[in-house]
PDB file of N, CA and C in Angstrom:
ATOM      1  N   UNK A   1     102.297  66.243 105.139  1.00  0.00           N
ATOM      2  CA  UNK A   1     101.815  66.468 103.783  1.00  0.00           C
ATOM      3  C   UNK A   1     100.824  67.626 103.737  1.00  0.00           C
ATOM      4  N   UNK A   2     100.814  68.333 102.623  1.00  0.00           N
ATOM      5  CA  UNK A   2      99.797  69.341 102.369  1.00  0.00           C
ATOM      6  C   UNK A   2      98.517  68.622 101.942  1.00  0.00           C
ATOM      7  N   UNK A   3      97.389  69.253 102.168  1.00  0.00           N
ATOM      8  CA  UNK A   3      96.104  68.632 101.865  1.00  0.00           C
ATOM      9  C   UNK A   3      95.511  69.253 100.599  1.00  0.00           C
ATOM     10  N   UNK A   4      95.210  68.406  99.620  1.00  0.00           N
ATOM     11  CA  UNK A   4      94.562  68.861  98.389  1.00  0.00           C
ATOM     12  C   UNK A   4      93.109  69.200  98.670  1.00  0.00           C
ATOM     13  N   UNK A   5      92.589  70.163  97.932  1.00  0.00           N
ATOM     14  CA  UNK A   5      91.194  70.596  98.033  1.00  0.00           C
ATOM     15  C   UNK A   5      90.828  71.111  99.416  1.00  0.00           C
ATOM     16  N   UNK A   6      91.811  71.643 100.128  1.00  0.00           N
ATOM     17  CA  UNK A   6      91.579  72.253 101.431  1.00  0.00           C
ATOM     18  C   UNK A   6      91.006  73.653 101.226  1.00  0.00           C
ATOM     19  N   UNK A   7      90.247  74.130 102.180  1.00  0.00           N
ATOM     20  CA  UNK A   7      89.705  75.489 102.109  1.00  0.00           C
ATOM     21  C   UNK A   7      90.791  76.525 102.379  1.00  0.00           C
ATOM     22  N   UNK A   8      91.882  76.113 103.021  1.00  0.00           N
ATOM     23  CA  UNK A   8      92.955  77.036 103.380  1.00  0.00           C
ATOM     24  C   UNK A   8      93.937  77.188 102.214  1.00  0.00           C
ATOM     25  N   UNK A   9      94.128  78.414 101.714  1.00  0.00           N
ATOM     26  CA  UNK A   9      95.098  78.630 100.639  1.00  0.00           C
ATOM     27  C   UNK A   9      96.527  78.347 101.110  1.00  0.00           C
ATOM     28  N   UNK A  10      97.384  77.998 100.165  1.00  0.00           N
ATOM     29  CA  UNK A  10      98.786  77.697 100.432  1.00  0.00           C
ATOM     30  C   UNK A  10      99.662  78.694  99.693  1.00  0.00           C
ATOM     31  N   UNK A  11     100.893  78.836 100.143  1.00  0.00           N
ATOM     32  CA  UNK A  11     101.867  79.666  99.448  1.00  0.00           C
ATOM     33  C   UNK A  11     102.960  78.755  98.922  1.00  0.00           C
ATOM     34  N   UNK A  12     103.197  78.832  97.605  1.00  0.00           N
ATOM     35  CA  UNK A  12     104.252  78.055  96.967  1.00  0.00           C
ATOM     36  C   UNK A  12     105.233  79.005  96.289  1.00  0.00           C
ATOM     37  N   UNK A  13     106.516  78.618  96.326  1.00  0.00           N
ATOM     38  CA  UNK A  13     107.575  79.408  95.702  1.00  0.00           C
ATOM     39  C   UNK A  13     108.290  78.550  94.666  1.00  0.00           C
ATOM     40  N   UNK A  14     108.663  79.177  93.565  1.00  0.00           N
ATOM     41  CA  UNK A  14     109.399  78.418  92.571  1.00  0.00           C
ATOM     42  C   UNK A  14     109.623  79.208  91.306  1.00  0.00           C
ATOM     43  N   UNK A  15     109.935  78.484  90.238  1.00  0.00           N
ATOM     44  CA  UNK A  15     110.236  79.075  88.940  1.00  0.00           C
ATOM     45  C   UNK A  15     109.195  78.602  87.926  1.00  0.00           C
ATOM     46  N   UNK A  16     108.646  79.552  87.189  1.00  0.00           N
ATOM     47  CA  UNK A  16     107.616  79.282  86.194  1.00  0.00           C
ATOM     48  C   UNK A  16     108.264  78.821  84.886  1.00  0.00           C
ATOM     49  N   UNK A  17     107.642  77.810  84.285  1.00  0.00           N
ATOM     50  CA  UNK A  17     108.119  77.327  82.984  1.00  0.00           C
ATOM     51  C   UNK A  17     106.919  77.011  82.105  1.00  0.00           C
ATOM     52  N   UNK A  18     107.006  77.429  80.846  1.00  0.00           N
ATOM     53  CA  UNK A  18     105.964  77.103  79.874  1.00  0.00           C
ATOM     54  C   UNK A  18     106.286  75.761  79.232  1.00  0.00           C
ATOM     55  N   UNK A  19     105.279  74.889  79.129  1.00  0.00           N
ATOM     56  CA  UNK A  19     105.437  73.580  78.493  1.00  0.00           C
ATOM     57  C   UNK A  19     104.589  73.538  77.233  1.00  0.00           C
ATOM     58  N   UNK A  20     105.230  73.238  76.126  1.00  0.00           N
ATOM     59  CA  UNK A  20     104.516  73.057  74.863  1.00  0.00           C
ATOM     60  C   UNK A  20     104.304  71.563  74.688  1.00  0.00           C
ATOM     61  N   UNK A  21     103.067  71.132  74.784  1.00  0.00           N
ATOM     62  CA  UNK A  21     102.736  69.720  74.680  1.00  0.00           C
ATOM     63  C   UNK A  21     102.718  69.288  73.219  1.00  0.00           C
ATOM     64  N   UNK A  22     103.436  68.214  72.874  1.00  0.00           N
ATOM     65  CA  UNK A  22     103.426  67.748  71.483  1.00  0.00           C
ATOM     66  C   UNK A  22     102.014  67.357  71.054  1.00  0.00           C
ATOM     67  N   UNK A  23     101.601  67.885  69.914  1.00  0.00           N
ATOM     68  CA  UNK A  23     100.286  67.543  69.385  1.00  0.00           C
ATOM     69  C   UNK A  23      99.139  68.325  69.995  1.00  0.00           C
ATOM     70  N   UNK A  24      99.409  69.084  71.037  1.00  0.00           N
ATOM     71  CA  UNK A  24      98.355  69.869  71.683  1.00  0.00           C
ATOM     72  C   UNK A  24      98.440  71.320  71.191  1.00  0.00           C
ATOM     73  N   UNK A  25      97.284  71.973  71.035  1.00  0.00           N
ATOM     74  CA  UNK A  25      97.294  73.329  70.506  1.00  0.00           C
ATOM     75  C   UNK A  25      97.781  74.384  71.502  1.00  0.00           C
ATOM     76  N   UNK A  26      97.667  74.114  72.783  1.00  0.00           N
ATOM     77  CA  UNK A  26      97.982  75.121  73.786  1.00  0.00           C
ATOM     78  C   UNK A  26      99.305  74.912  74.492  1.00  0.00           C
ATOM     79  N   UNK A  27      99.495  75.718  75.497  1.00  0.00           N
ATOM     80  CA  UNK A  27     100.694  75.692  76.314  1.00  0.00           C
ATOM     81  C   UNK A  27     100.247  75.553  77.756  1.00  0.00           C
ATOM     82  N   UNK A  28     100.951  74.750  78.544  1.00  0.00           N
ATOM     83  CA  UNK A  28     100.646  74.662  79.964  1.00  0.00           C
ATOM     84  C   UNK A  28     101.726  75.387  80.750  1.00  0.00           C
ATOM     85  N   UNK A  29     101.365  75.857  81.913  1.00  0.00           N
ATOM     86  CA  UNK A  29     102.262  76.592  82.776  1.00  0.00           C
ATOM     87  C   UNK A  29     102.554  75.736  83.997  1.00  0.00           C
ATOM     88  N   UNK A  30     103.841  75.535  84.287  1.00  0.00           N
ATOM     89  CA  UNK A  30     104.265  74.658  85.377  1.00  0.00           C
ATOM     90  C   UNK A  30     105.109  75.455  86.361  1.00  0.00           C
ATOM     91  N   UNK A  31     104.917  75.193  87.652  1.00  0.00           N
ATOM     92  CA  UNK A  31     105.739  75.792  88.699  1.00  0.00           C
ATOM     93  C   UNK A  31     106.715  74.742  89.196  1.00  0.00           C
ATOM     94  N   UNK A  32     108.019  75.003  89.013  1.00  0.00           N
ATOM     95  CA  UNK A  32     109.062  74.134  89.564  1.00  0.00           C
ATOM     96  C   UNK A  32     109.357  74.648  90.965  1.00  0.00           C
ATOM     97  N   UNK A  33     109.036  73.834  91.952  1.00  0.00           N
ATOM     98  CA  UNK A  33     109.089  74.256  93.349  1.00  0.00           C
ATOM     99  C   UNK A  33     110.516  74.398  93.865  1.00  0.00           C
ATOM    100  N   UNK A  34     110.704  75.337  94.808  1.00  0.00           N
ATOM    101  CA  UNK A  34     112.014  75.537  95.434  1.00  0.00           C
ATOM    102  C   UNK A  34     112.472  74.288  96.166  1.00  0.00           C
ATOM    103  N   UNK A  35     111.526  73.624  96.816  1.00  0.00           N
ATOM    104  CA  UNK A  35     111.837  72.362  97.490  1.00  0.00           C
ATOM    105  C   UNK A  35     110.631  71.444  97.351  1.00  0.00           C
ATOM    106  N   UNK A  36     110.879  70.132  97.283  1.00  0.00           N
ATOM    107  CA  UNK A  36     109.782  69.168  97.077  1.00  0.00           C
ATOM    108  C   UNK A  36     108.744  69.204  98.202  1.00  0.00           C
ATOM    109  N   UNK A  37     107.509  68.878  97.824  1.00  0.00           N
ATOM    110  CA  UNK A  37     106.416  68.823  98.799  1.00  0.00           C
ATOM    111  C   UNK A  37     105.697  67.482  98.705  1.00  0.00           C
ATOM    112  N   UNK A  38     104.920  67.196  99.729  1.00  0.00           N
ATOM    113  CA  UNK A  38     104.068  66.009  99.776  1.00  0.00           C
ATOM    114  C   UNK A  38     102.620  66.503  99.775  1.00  0.00           C
ATOM    115  N   UNK A  39     101.768  65.840  98.990  1.00  0.00           N
ATOM    116  CA  UNK A  39     100.349  66.208  98.924  1.00  0.00           C
ATOM    117  C   UNK A  39      99.508  64.956  99.072  1.00  0.00           C
ATOM    118  N   UNK A  40      98.486  65.054  99.905  1.00  0.00           N
ATOM    119  CA  UNK A  40      97.556  63.935 100.066  1.00  0.00           C
ATOM    120  C   UNK A  40      96.136  64.469 100.047  1.00  0.00           C
ATOM    121  N   UNK A  41      95.210  63.565  99.811  1.00  0.00           N
ATOM    122  CA  UNK A  41      93.810  63.964  99.794  1.00  0.00           C
ATOM    123  C   UNK A  41      92.941  62.884  99.206  1.00  0.00           C
ATOM    124  N   UNK A  42      91.831  63.316  98.643  1.00  0.00           N
ATOM    125  CA  UNK A  42      90.854  62.415  98.059  1.00  0.00           C
ATOM    126  C   UNK A  42      90.657  62.816  96.605  1.00  0.00           C
ATOM    127  N   UNK A  43      90.779  61.838  95.695  1.00  0.00           N
ATOM    128  CA  UNK A  43      90.534  62.097  94.277  1.00  0.00           C
ATOM    129  C   UNK A  43      89.072  62.437  94.082  1.00  0.00           C
ATOM    130  N   UNK A  44      88.786  63.152  92.965  1.00  0.00           N
ATOM    131  CA  UNK A  44      87.389  63.358  92.612  1.00  0.00           C
ATOM    132  C   UNK A  44      86.818  61.971  92.363  1.00  0.00           C
ATOM    133  N   UNK A  45      85.868  61.567  93.152  1.00  0.00           N
ATOM    134  CA  UNK A  45      85.305  60.234  93.052  1.00  0.00           C
ATOM    135  C   UNK A  45      85.473  59.455  94.347  1.00  0.00           C
ATOM    136  N   UNK A  46      86.317  59.955  95.278  1.00  0.00           N
ATOM    137  CA  UNK A  46      86.380  59.360  96.597  1.00  0.00           C
ATOM    138  C   UNK A  46      87.596  58.539  96.968  1.00  0.00           C
ATOM    139  N   UNK A  47      88.480  58.212  96.038  1.00  0.00           N
ATOM    140  CA  UNK A  47      89.644  57.374  96.339  1.00  0.00           C
ATOM    141  C   UNK A  47      90.773  58.207  96.952  1.00  0.00           C
ATOM    142  N   UNK A  48      91.371  57.690  98.031  1.00  0.00           N
ATOM    143  CA  UNK A  48      92.491  58.363  98.703  1.00  0.00           C
ATOM    144  C   UNK A  48      93.739  58.361  97.822  1.00  0.00           C
ATOM    145  N   UNK A  49      94.574  59.409  97.938  1.00  0.00           N
ATOM    146  CA  UNK A  49      95.862  59.420  97.252  1.00  0.00           C
ATOM    147  C   UNK A  49      96.894  60.137  98.114  1.00  0.00           C
ATOM    148  N   UNK A  50      98.144  59.838  97.851  1.00  0.00           N
ATOM    149  CA  UNK A  50      99.260  60.524  98.506  1.00  0.00           C
ATOM    150  C   UNK A  50     100.427  60.524  97.536  1.00  0.00           C
ATOM    151  N   UNK A  51     100.991  61.720  97.281  1.00  0.00           N
ATOM    152  CA  UNK A  51     102.156  61.851  96.401  1.00  0.00           C
ATOM    153  C   UNK A  51     103.250  62.541  97.183  1.00  0.00           C
ATOM    154  N   UNK A  52     104.410  61.926  97.194  1.00  0.00           N
ATOM    155  CA  UNK A  52     105.546  62.479  97.930  1.00  0.00           C
ATOM    156  C   UNK A  52     106.594  63.007  96.961  1.00  0.00           C
ATOM    157  N   UNK A  53     107.427  63.896  97.451  1.00  0.00           N
ATOM    158  CA  UNK A  53     108.555  64.451  96.698  1.00  0.00           C
ATOM    159  C   UNK A  53     108.131  65.075  95.367  1.00  0.00           C
ATOM    160  N   UNK A  54     107.053  65.851  95.381  1.00  0.00           N
ATOM    161  CA  UNK A  54     106.598  66.558  94.182  1.00  0.00           C
ATOM    162  C   UNK A  54     107.499  67.767  93.978  1.00  0.00           C
ATOM    163  N   UNK A  55     108.105  67.855  92.807  1.00  0.00           N
ATOM    164  CA  UNK A  55     109.023  68.960  92.548  1.00  0.00           C
ATOM    165  C   UNK A  55     108.447  69.996  91.575  1.00  0.00           C
ATOM    166  N   UNK A  56     107.332  69.654  90.922  1.00  0.00           N
ATOM    167  CA  UNK A  56     106.675  70.621  90.030  1.00  0.00           C
ATOM    168  C   UNK A  56     105.181  70.344  90.013  1.00  0.00           C
ATOM    169  N   UNK A  57     104.420  71.402  89.694  1.00  0.00           N
ATOM    170  CA  UNK A  57     102.970  71.285  89.676  1.00  0.00           C
ATOM    171  C   UNK A  57     102.417  72.218  88.601  1.00  0.00           C
ATOM    172  N   UNK A  58     101.374  71.762  87.913  1.00  0.00           N
ATOM    173  CA  UNK A  58     100.749  72.576  86.874  1.00  0.00           C
ATOM    174  C   UNK A  58      99.979  73.724  87.520  1.00  0.00           C
ATOM    175  N   UNK A  59     100.028  74.901  86.874  1.00  0.00           N
ATOM    176  CA  UNK A  59      99.313  76.067  87.380  1.00  0.00           C
ATOM    177  C   UNK A  59      98.003  76.251  86.641  1.00  0.00           C
ATOM    178  N   UNK A  60      96.984  76.605  87.390  1.00  0.00           N
ATOM    179  CA  UNK A  60      95.701  76.998  86.820  1.00  0.00           C
ATOM    180  C   UNK A  60      95.502  78.470  87.139  1.00  0.00           C
ATOM    181  N   UNK A  61      95.423  79.300  86.097  1.00  0.00           N
ATOM    182  CA  UNK A  61      95.322  80.749  86.298  1.00  0.00           C
ATOM    183  C   UNK A  61      93.955  81.224  85.831  1.00  0.00           C
ATOM    184  N   UNK A  62      93.134  81.746  86.746  1.00  0.00           N
ATOM    185  CA  UNK A  62      91.821  82.240  86.338  1.00  0.00           C
ATOM    186  C   UNK A  62      91.952  83.476  85.447  1.00  0.00           C
ATOM    187  N   UNK A  63      91.026  83.632  84.538  1.00  0.00           N
ATOM    188  CA  UNK A  63      91.073  84.726  83.562  1.00  0.00           C
ATOM    189  C   UNK A  63      91.109  86.104  84.225  1.00  0.00           C
ATOM    190  N   UNK A  64      90.439  86.245  85.366  1.00  0.00           N
ATOM    191  CA  UNK A  64      90.365  87.572  85.986  1.00  0.00           C
ATOM    192  C   UNK A  64      91.721  88.058  86.523  1.00  0.00           C
ATOM    193  N   UNK A  65      92.667  87.151  86.741  1.00  0.00           N
ATOM    194  CA  UNK A  65      93.991  87.584  87.197  1.00  0.00           C
ATOM    195  C   UNK A  65      94.802  88.183  86.048  1.00  0.00           C
ATOM    196  N   UNK A  66      94.601  87.652  84.852  1.00  0.00           N
ATOM    197  CA  UNK A  66      95.240  88.188  83.653  1.00  0.00           C
ATOM    198  C   UNK A  66      96.725  88.493  83.871  1.00  0.00           C
ATOM    199  N   UNK A  67      97.426  87.564  84.475  1.00  0.00           N
ATOM    200  CA  UNK A  67      98.854  87.730  84.768  1.00  0.00           C
ATOM    201  C   UNK A  67      99.653  86.886  83.791  1.00  0.00           C
ATOM    202  N   UNK A  68     100.578  87.512  83.098  1.00  0.00           N
ATOM    203  CA  UNK A  68     101.460  86.731  82.239  1.00  0.00           C
ATOM    204  C   UNK A  68     102.831  86.670  82.902  1.00  0.00           C
ATOM    205  N   UNK A  69     103.346  85.461  82.997  1.00  0.00           N
ATOM    206  CA  UNK A  69     104.640  85.231  83.620  1.00  0.00           C
ATOM    207  C   UNK A  69     105.708  85.111  82.543  1.00  0.00           C
ATOM    208  N   UNK A  70     106.921  85.485  82.880  1.00  0.00           N
ATOM    209  CA  UNK A  70     108.053  85.245  81.994  1.00  0.00           C
ATOM    210  C   UNK A  70     108.569  83.842  82.247  1.00  0.00           C
ATOM    211  N   UNK A  71     108.933  83.145  81.201  1.00  0.00           N
ATOM    212  CA  UNK A  71     109.533  81.821  81.343  1.00  0.00           C
ATOM    213  C   UNK A  71     110.800  81.959  82.179  1.00  0.00           C
ATOM    214  N   UNK A  72     110.923  81.170  83.237  1.00  0.00           N
ATOM    215  CA  UNK A  72     112.078  81.222  84.117  1.00  0.00           C
ATOM    216  C   UNK A  72     111.946  82.225  85.257  1.00  0.00           C
ATOM    217  N   UNK A  73     110.794  82.885  85.355  1.00  0.00           N
ATOM    218  CA  UNK A  73     110.577  83.884  86.412  1.00  0.00           C
ATOM    219  C   UNK A  73     110.422  83.208  87.773  1.00  0.00           C
ATOM    220  N   UNK A  74     111.074  83.749  88.801  1.00  0.00           N
ATOM    221  CA  UNK A  74     110.916  83.258  90.176  1.00  0.00           C
ATOM    222  C   UNK A  74     109.684  83.936  90.765  1.00  0.00           C
ATOM    223  N   UNK A  75     108.763  83.150  91.329  1.00  0.00           N
ATOM    224  CA  UNK A  75     107.493  83.683  91.816  1.00  0.00           C
ATOM    225  C   UNK A  75     107.145  83.135  93.196  1.00  0.00           C
ATOM    226  N   UNK A  76     106.287  83.881  93.888  1.00  0.00           N
ATOM    227  CA  UNK A  76     105.660  83.443  95.130  1.00  0.00           C
ATOM    228  C   UNK A  76     104.164  83.550  94.885  1.00  0.00           C
ATOM    229  N   UNK A  77     103.456  82.423  95.021  1.00  0.00           N
ATOM    230  CA  UNK A  77     102.044  82.358  94.658  1.00  0.00           C
ATOM    231  C   UNK A  77     101.196  81.846  95.810  1.00  0.00           C
ATOM    232  N   UNK A  78      99.985  82.380  95.912  1.00  0.00           N
ATOM    233  CA  UNK A  78      99.007  81.884  96.885  1.00  0.00           C
ATOM    234  C   UNK A  78      97.883  81.247  96.100  1.00  0.00           C
ATOM    235  N   UNK A  79      97.479  80.044  96.525  1.00  0.00           N
ATOM    236  CA  UNK A  79      96.407  79.351  95.823  1.00  0.00           C
ATOM    237  C   UNK A  79      96.019  78.069  96.529  1.00  0.00           C
ATOM    238  N   UNK A  80      95.303  77.219  95.798  1.00  0.00           N
ATOM    239  CA  UNK A  80      94.818  75.956  96.356  1.00  0.00           C
ATOM    240  C   UNK A  80      95.176  74.810  95.422  1.00  0.00           C
ATOM    241  N   UNK A  81      95.496  73.664  95.994  1.00  0.00           N
ATOM    242  CA  UNK A  81      95.843  72.479  95.218  1.00  0.00           C
ATOM    243  C   UNK A  81      94.591  71.647  94.986  1.00  0.00           C
ATOM    244  N   UNK A  82      94.342  71.340  93.723  1.00  0.00           N
ATOM    245  CA  UNK A  82      93.204  70.499  93.356  1.00  0.00           C
ATOM    246  C   UNK A  82      93.657  69.075  93.139  1.00  0.00           C
ATOM    247  N   UNK A  83      92.907  68.133  93.662  1.00  0.00           N
ATOM    248  CA  UNK A  83      93.237  66.716  93.537  1.00  0.00           C
ATOM    249  C   UNK A  83      93.017  66.187  92.132  1.00  0.00           C
ATOM    250  N   UNK A  84      93.562  65.018  91.855  1.00  0.00           N
ATOM    251  CA  UNK A  84      93.448  64.422  90.518  1.00  0.00           C
ATOM    252  C   UNK A  84      92.073  63.816  90.253  1.00  0.00           C
ATOM    253  N   UNK A  85      91.789  63.619  88.981  1.00  0.00           N
ATOM    254  CA  UNK A  85      90.563  62.933  88.581  1.00  0.00           C
ATOM    255  C   UNK A  85      90.667  61.458  88.965  1.00  0.00           C
ATOM    256  N   UNK A  86      89.548  60.817  89.217  1.00  0.00           N
ATOM    257  CA  UNK A  86      89.549  59.419  89.653  1.00  0.00           C
ATOM    258  C   UNK A  86      90.163  58.498  88.600  1.00  0.00           C
ATOM    259  N   UNK A  87      90.040  58.848  87.314  1.00  0.00           N
ATOM    260  CA  UNK A  87      90.558  57.981  86.259  1.00  0.00           C
ATOM    261  C   UNK A  87      91.944  58.415  85.772  1.00  0.00           C
ATOM    262  N   UNK A  88      92.625  59.273  86.533  1.00  0.00           N
ATOM    263  CA  UNK A  88      93.956  59.753  86.156  1.00  0.00           C
ATOM    264  C   UNK A  88      95.014  58.874  86.812  1.00  0.00           C
ATOM    265  N   UNK A  89      95.654  57.968  86.060  1.00  0.00           N
ATOM    266  CA  UNK A  89      96.644  57.061  86.650  1.00  0.00           C
ATOM    267  C   UNK A  89      97.908  57.788  87.115  1.00  0.00           C
ATOM    268  N   UNK A  90      98.172  58.980  86.559  1.00  0.00           N
ATOM    269  CA  UNK A  90      99.360  59.736  86.953  1.00  0.00           C
ATOM    270  C   UNK A  90      99.118  60.651  88.144  1.00  0.00           C
ATOM    271  N   UNK A  91      97.866  60.736  88.588  1.00  0.00           N
ATOM    272  CA  UNK A  91      97.481  61.582  89.711  1.00  0.00           C
ATOM    273  C   UNK A  91      98.009  63.006  89.544  1.00  0.00           C
ATOM    274  N   UNK A  92      97.741  63.597  88.374  1.00  0.00           N
ATOM    275  CA  UNK A  92      98.162  64.973  88.115  1.00  0.00           C
ATOM    276  C   UNK A  92      97.405  65.938  89.010  1.00  0.00           C
ATOM    277  N   UNK A  93      98.136  66.896  89.559  1.00  0.00           N
ATOM    278  CA  UNK A  93      97.571  67.890  90.448  1.00  0.00           C
ATOM    279  C   UNK A  93      97.678  69.260  89.799  1.00  0.00           C
ATOM    280  N   UNK A  94      96.805  70.178  90.219  1.00  0.00           N
ATOM    281  CA  UNK A  94      96.834  71.541  89.719  1.00  0.00           C
ATOM    282  C   UNK A  94      96.826  72.508  90.890  1.00  0.00           C
ATOM    283  N   UNK A  95      97.651  73.551  90.787  1.00  0.00           N
ATOM    284  CA  UNK A  95      97.658  74.613  91.777  1.00  0.00           C
ATOM    285  C   UNK A  95      96.847  75.756  91.213  1.00  0.00           C
ATOM    286  N   UNK A  96      95.662  75.964  91.783  1.00  0.00           N
ATOM    287  CA  UNK A  96      94.761  77.032  91.343  1.00  0.00           C
ATOM    288  C   UNK A  96      95.205  78.358  91.928  1.00  0.00           C
ATOM    289  N   UNK A  97      95.725  79.224  91.085  1.00  0.00           N
ATOM    290  CA  UNK A  97      96.274  80.492  91.531  1.00  0.00           C
ATOM    291  C   UNK A  97      95.181  81.437  92.016  1.00  0.00           C
ATOM    292  N   UNK A  98      95.397  82.017  93.194  1.00  0.00           N
ATOM    293  CA  UNK A  98      94.497  83.028  93.744  1.00  0.00           C
ATOM    294  C   UNK A  98      95.147  84.406  93.729  1.00  0.00           C
ATOM    295  N   UNK A  99      96.486  84.428  93.930  1.00  0.00           N
ATOM    296  CA  UNK A  99      97.161  85.726  94.051  1.00  0.00           C
ATOM    297  C   UNK A  99      98.664  85.557  93.808  1.00  0.00           C
ATOM    298  N   UNK A 100      99.255  86.552  93.164  1.00  0.00           N
ATOM    299  CA  UNK A 100     100.705  86.613  92.999  1.00  0.00           C
ATOM    300  C   UNK A 100     101.203  87.531  94.103  1.00  0.00           C
ATOM    301  N   UNK A 101     102.127  87.022  94.930  1.00  0.00           N
ATOM    302  CA  UNK A 101     102.630  87.816  96.062  1.00  0.00           C
ATOM    303  C   UNK A 101     103.925  88.516  95.715  1.00  0.00           C
TER     304      UNK A 101
END
């Protein structure tokens, strides 16, 4: 398994898709991975978690990168996986983008 909140950046490959959330004002960006991954770590708050066969992950893009992706674009990204909040029953994870390769 890959480790969430590790100091070592990871490289993920996949296809970018924009998600329009019903009732929400914004749009989220999701990376559909080329092949499923396993992620484990510690939730914010201290509880252990492990998620297997993850096929997509939400992207977090810092403002300074100012990169706009095309829907359906194939990408290679370097970044870090952030663990879920302690009160998140779905254990949602975010891939914090550091660089587009």
